[in-house]
Amino acid sequence: MPEKSCGKGGHRKHTPIVSKKQRGLFGSELSRRRRGVGSRMKGITTAELELHLHESKGKKLPSRVSHSLKKRLGG
């Protein structure tokens, strides 16, 4: 459901990408699919991958997610 907004303001887009490492994983998955090689992320469509990568493009993301953020995100 990336089309919906997060928060009360209703203007912020939703993306599950919170670090550069995750953006790289999403990018490599999109590349795999475009090349026709087997997919590793079965639960997400190619269109959703493209949308999330586009939404995270201008964000300043940390290299990796801290331990406390992982707890808040449920990971």
N, C-alpha and C. Protein backbone atom coordinates (compact mmCIF):
# COMPACT_ATOMS: atom_id res chain seq x y z
N MET A 1 0.80 -1.20 0.00
CA MET A 1 0.00 0.00 0.00
C MET A 1 0.85 1.26 0.00
N PRO A 2 1.79 1.39 -0.90
CA PRO A 2 2.64 2.56 -0.90
C PRO A 2 1.94 3.85 -1.32
N GLU A 3 0.72 3.76 -1.89
CA GLU A 3 0.04 4.97 -2.33
C GLU A 3 -0.47 5.80 -1.17
N LYS A 4 -0.75 5.15 -0.03
CA LYS A 4 -1.29 5.86 1.13
C LYS A 4 -0.21 6.68 1.81
N SER A 5 -0.64 7.71 2.53
CA SER A 5 0.29 8.57 3.24
C SER A 5 0.45 8.10 4.67
N CYS A 6 1.56 8.43 5.27
CA CYS A 6 1.82 8.10 6.66
C CYS A 6 1.57 9.32 7.52
N GLY A 7 1.18 9.10 8.74
CA GLY A 7 1.02 10.21 9.68
C GLY A 7 -0.25 10.99 9.47
N LYS A 8 -0.41 12.04 10.28
CA LYS A 8 -1.63 12.85 10.24
C LYS A 8 -1.62 13.88 9.11
N GLY A 9 -0.42 14.33 8.71
CA GLY A 9 -0.33 15.37 7.70
C GLY A 9 -0.82 14.92 6.34
N GLY A 10 -0.68 13.65 6.01
CA GLY A 10 -1.18 13.13 4.76
C GLY A 10 -0.34 13.47 3.55
N HIS A 11 0.88 13.98 3.75
CA HIS A 11 1.69 14.35 2.60
C HIS A 11 2.94 13.51 2.45
N ARG A 12 3.28 12.73 3.47
CA ARG A 12 4.50 11.93 3.43
C ARG A 12 4.24 10.57 2.82
N LYS A 13 5.05 10.17 1.85
CA LYS A 13 4.89 8.87 1.21
C LYS A 13 5.45 7.77 2.10
N HIS A 14 4.91 6.59 1.93
CA HIS A 14 5.36 5.44 2.70
C HIS A 14 6.36 4.63 1.90
N THR A 15 7.45 4.27 2.51
CA THR A 15 8.40 3.34 1.91
C THR A 15 9.04 2.52 3.02
N PRO A 16 9.20 1.23 2.80
CA PRO A 16 9.82 0.40 3.83
C PRO A 16 11.34 0.53 3.87
N ILE A 17 11.93 1.30 2.96
CA ILE A 17 13.38 1.44 2.89
C ILE A 17 13.83 2.48 3.92
N VAL A 18 14.65 2.04 4.90
CA VAL A 18 15.11 2.95 5.95
C VAL A 18 16.64 3.04 6.03
N SER A 19 17.36 2.38 5.13
CA SER A 19 18.82 2.46 5.14
C SER A 19 19.36 2.28 3.72
N LYS A 20 20.62 2.68 3.54
CA LYS A 20 21.27 2.52 2.24
C LYS A 20 21.40 1.05 1.87
N LYS A 21 21.65 0.22 2.87
CA LYS A 21 21.78 -1.21 2.63
C LYS A 21 20.48 -1.78 2.08
N GLN A 22 19.35 -1.37 2.65
CA GLN A 22 18.06 -1.85 2.16
C GLN A 22 17.77 -1.33 0.75
N ARG A 23 18.16 -0.08 0.49
CA ARG A 23 17.96 0.47 -0.85
C ARG A 23 18.77 -0.34 -1.86
N GLY A 24 19.97 -0.76 -1.47
CA GLY A 24 20.79 -1.60 -2.33
C GLY A 24 20.16 -2.96 -2.59
N LEU A 25 19.56 -3.55 -1.55
CA LEU A 25 18.90 -4.84 -1.71
C LEU A 25 17.70 -4.74 -2.65
N PHE A 26 16.92 -3.67 -2.50
CA PHE A 26 15.78 -3.46 -3.38
C PHE A 26 16.25 -3.23 -4.81
N GLY A 27 17.33 -2.45 -4.97
CA GLY A 27 17.87 -2.18 -6.30
C GLY A 27 18.40 -3.43 -6.97
N SER A 28 19.07 -4.28 -6.20
CA SER A 28 19.60 -5.51 -6.79
C SER A 28 18.47 -6.47 -7.17
N GLU A 29 17.40 -6.47 -6.38
CA GLU A 29 16.25 -7.31 -6.71
C GLU A 29 15.58 -6.82 -8.00
N LEU A 30 15.44 -5.51 -8.13
CA LEU A 30 14.85 -4.95 -9.35
C LEU A 30 15.73 -5.27 -10.56
N SER A 31 17.03 -5.18 -10.40
CA SER A 31 17.96 -5.52 -11.47
C SER A 31 17.82 -6.99 -11.88
N ARG A 32 17.72 -7.87 -10.87
CA ARG A 32 17.54 -9.30 -11.15
C ARG A 32 16.28 -9.55 -11.99
N ARG A 33 15.22 -8.89 -11.60
CA ARG A 33 13.95 -9.10 -12.32
C ARG A 33 14.02 -8.56 -13.74
N ARG A 34 14.66 -7.43 -13.93
CA ARG A 34 14.78 -6.87 -15.27
C ARG A 34 15.63 -7.72 -16.18
N ARG A 35 16.63 -8.41 -15.60
CA ARG A 35 17.49 -9.30 -16.37
C ARG A 35 16.83 -10.66 -16.61
N GLY A 36 15.74 -10.95 -15.90
CA GLY A 36 15.06 -12.23 -16.06
C GLY A 36 15.63 -13.35 -15.21
N VAL A 37 16.49 -13.00 -14.27
CA VAL A 37 17.06 -13.98 -13.35
C VAL A 37 16.04 -14.21 -12.23
N GLY A 38 16.12 -15.34 -11.56
CA GLY A 38 15.18 -15.67 -10.49
C GLY A 38 15.06 -14.61 -9.42
N SER A 39 13.86 -14.42 -8.91
CA SER A 39 13.57 -13.44 -7.89
C SER A 39 13.85 -14.00 -6.50
N ARG A 40 14.31 -13.15 -5.58
CA ARG A 40 14.53 -13.56 -4.19
C ARG A 40 13.46 -13.01 -3.26
N MET A 41 12.81 -11.92 -3.66
CA MET A 41 11.74 -11.32 -2.85
C MET A 41 10.41 -11.66 -3.50
N LYS A 42 9.78 -12.70 -3.04
CA LYS A 42 8.54 -13.18 -3.67
C LYS A 42 7.32 -12.33 -3.30
N GLY A 43 7.35 -11.66 -2.16
CA GLY A 43 6.16 -10.96 -1.67
C GLY A 43 5.95 -9.55 -2.17
N ILE A 44 6.77 -9.09 -3.12
CA ILE A 44 6.65 -7.72 -3.60
C ILE A 44 6.70 -7.71 -5.13
N THR A 45 5.87 -6.90 -5.74
CA THR A 45 5.82 -6.83 -7.19
C THR A 45 6.93 -5.91 -7.71
N THR A 46 7.20 -6.02 -8.98
CA THR A 46 8.21 -5.17 -9.61
C THR A 46 7.79 -3.71 -9.55
N ALA A 47 6.52 -3.44 -9.74
CA ALA A 47 6.02 -2.07 -9.67
C ALA A 47 6.22 -1.48 -8.28
N GLU A 48 6.00 -2.28 -7.25
CA GLU A 48 6.20 -1.81 -5.88
C GLU A 48 7.68 -1.53 -5.61
N LEU A 49 8.56 -2.40 -6.13
CA LEU A 49 10.00 -2.17 -5.98
C LEU A 49 10.39 -0.82 -6.60
N GLU A 50 9.93 -0.58 -7.81
CA GLU A 50 10.24 0.67 -8.50
C GLU A 50 9.71 1.87 -7.72
N LEU A 51 8.49 1.76 -7.20
CA LEU A 51 7.88 2.86 -6.45
C LEU A 51 8.66 3.16 -5.17
N HIS A 52 9.01 2.13 -4.42
CA HIS A 52 9.74 2.34 -3.17
C HIS A 52 11.13 2.91 -3.43
N LEU A 53 11.79 2.46 -4.48
CA LEU A 53 13.11 3.00 -4.82
C LEU A 53 12.99 4.46 -5.23
N HIS A 54 11.95 4.80 -5.96
CA HIS A 54 11.73 6.19 -6.37
C HIS A 54 11.47 7.07 -5.15
N GLU A 55 10.66 6.58 -4.19
CA GLU A 55 10.32 7.34 -3.00
C GLU A 55 11.54 7.56 -2.10
N SER A 56 12.45 6.61 -2.06
CA SER A 56 13.61 6.72 -1.17
C SER A 56 14.78 7.46 -1.82
N LYS A 57 14.63 7.83 -3.08
CA LYS A 57 15.73 8.41 -3.85
C LYS A 57 16.31 9.67 -3.20
N GLY A 58 15.52 10.60 -2.76
CA GLY A 58 16.01 11.86 -2.22
C GLY A 58 16.25 11.86 -0.72
N LYS A 59 15.98 10.76 -0.05
CA LYS A 59 16.13 10.70 1.40
C LYS A 59 17.59 10.57 1.79
N LYS A 60 17.93 11.15 2.92
CA LYS A 60 19.26 10.95 3.51
C LYS A 60 19.13 9.77 4.46
N LEU A 61 19.66 8.65 4.05
CA LEU A 61 19.52 7.42 4.81
C LEU A 61 20.83 7.04 5.49
N PRO A 62 20.74 6.40 6.67
CA PRO A 62 21.96 5.91 7.30
C PRO A 62 22.49 4.70 6.52
N SER A 63 23.76 4.38 6.73
CA SER A 63 24.35 3.23 6.04
C SER A 63 23.64 1.94 6.41
N ARG A 64 23.31 1.83 7.70
CA ARG A 64 22.58 0.66 8.16
C ARG A 64 21.68 1.06 9.32
N VAL A 65 20.75 0.21 9.66
CA VAL A 65 19.77 0.50 10.69
C VAL A 65 20.36 0.17 12.06
N SER A 66 20.16 1.08 13.01
CA SER A 66 20.66 0.84 14.36
C SER A 66 19.80 -0.21 15.07
N HIS A 67 20.32 -0.76 16.14
CA HIS A 67 19.63 -1.81 16.90
C HIS A 67 18.30 -1.28 17.45
N SER A 68 18.26 -0.06 17.95
CA SER A 68 17.03 0.49 18.53
C SER A 68 15.95 0.70 17.46
N LEU A 69 16.36 1.09 16.26
CA LEU A 69 15.40 1.27 15.18
C LEU A 69 14.83 -0.06 14.73
N LYS A 70 15.67 -1.10 14.69
CA LYS A 70 15.19 -2.42 14.34
C LYS A 70 14.09 -2.87 15.29
N LYS A 71 14.27 -2.58 16.60
CA LYS A 71 13.25 -2.96 17.60
C LYS A 71 11.94 -2.25 17.32
N ARG A 72 12.02 -0.93 17.02
CA ARG A 72 10.81 -0.16 16.75
C ARG A 72 10.11 -0.63 15.48
N LEU A 73 10.88 -1.07 14.48
CA LEU A 73 10.30 -1.53 13.23
C LEU A 73 9.82 -2.96 13.30
N GLY A 74 10.11 -3.63 14.40
CA GLY A 74 9.65 -5.00 14.57
C GLY A 74 10.60 -6.03 13.98
N GLY A 75 11.86 -5.67 13.81
CA GLY A 75 12.81 -6.59 13.19
C GLY A 75 13.80 -7.14 14.08
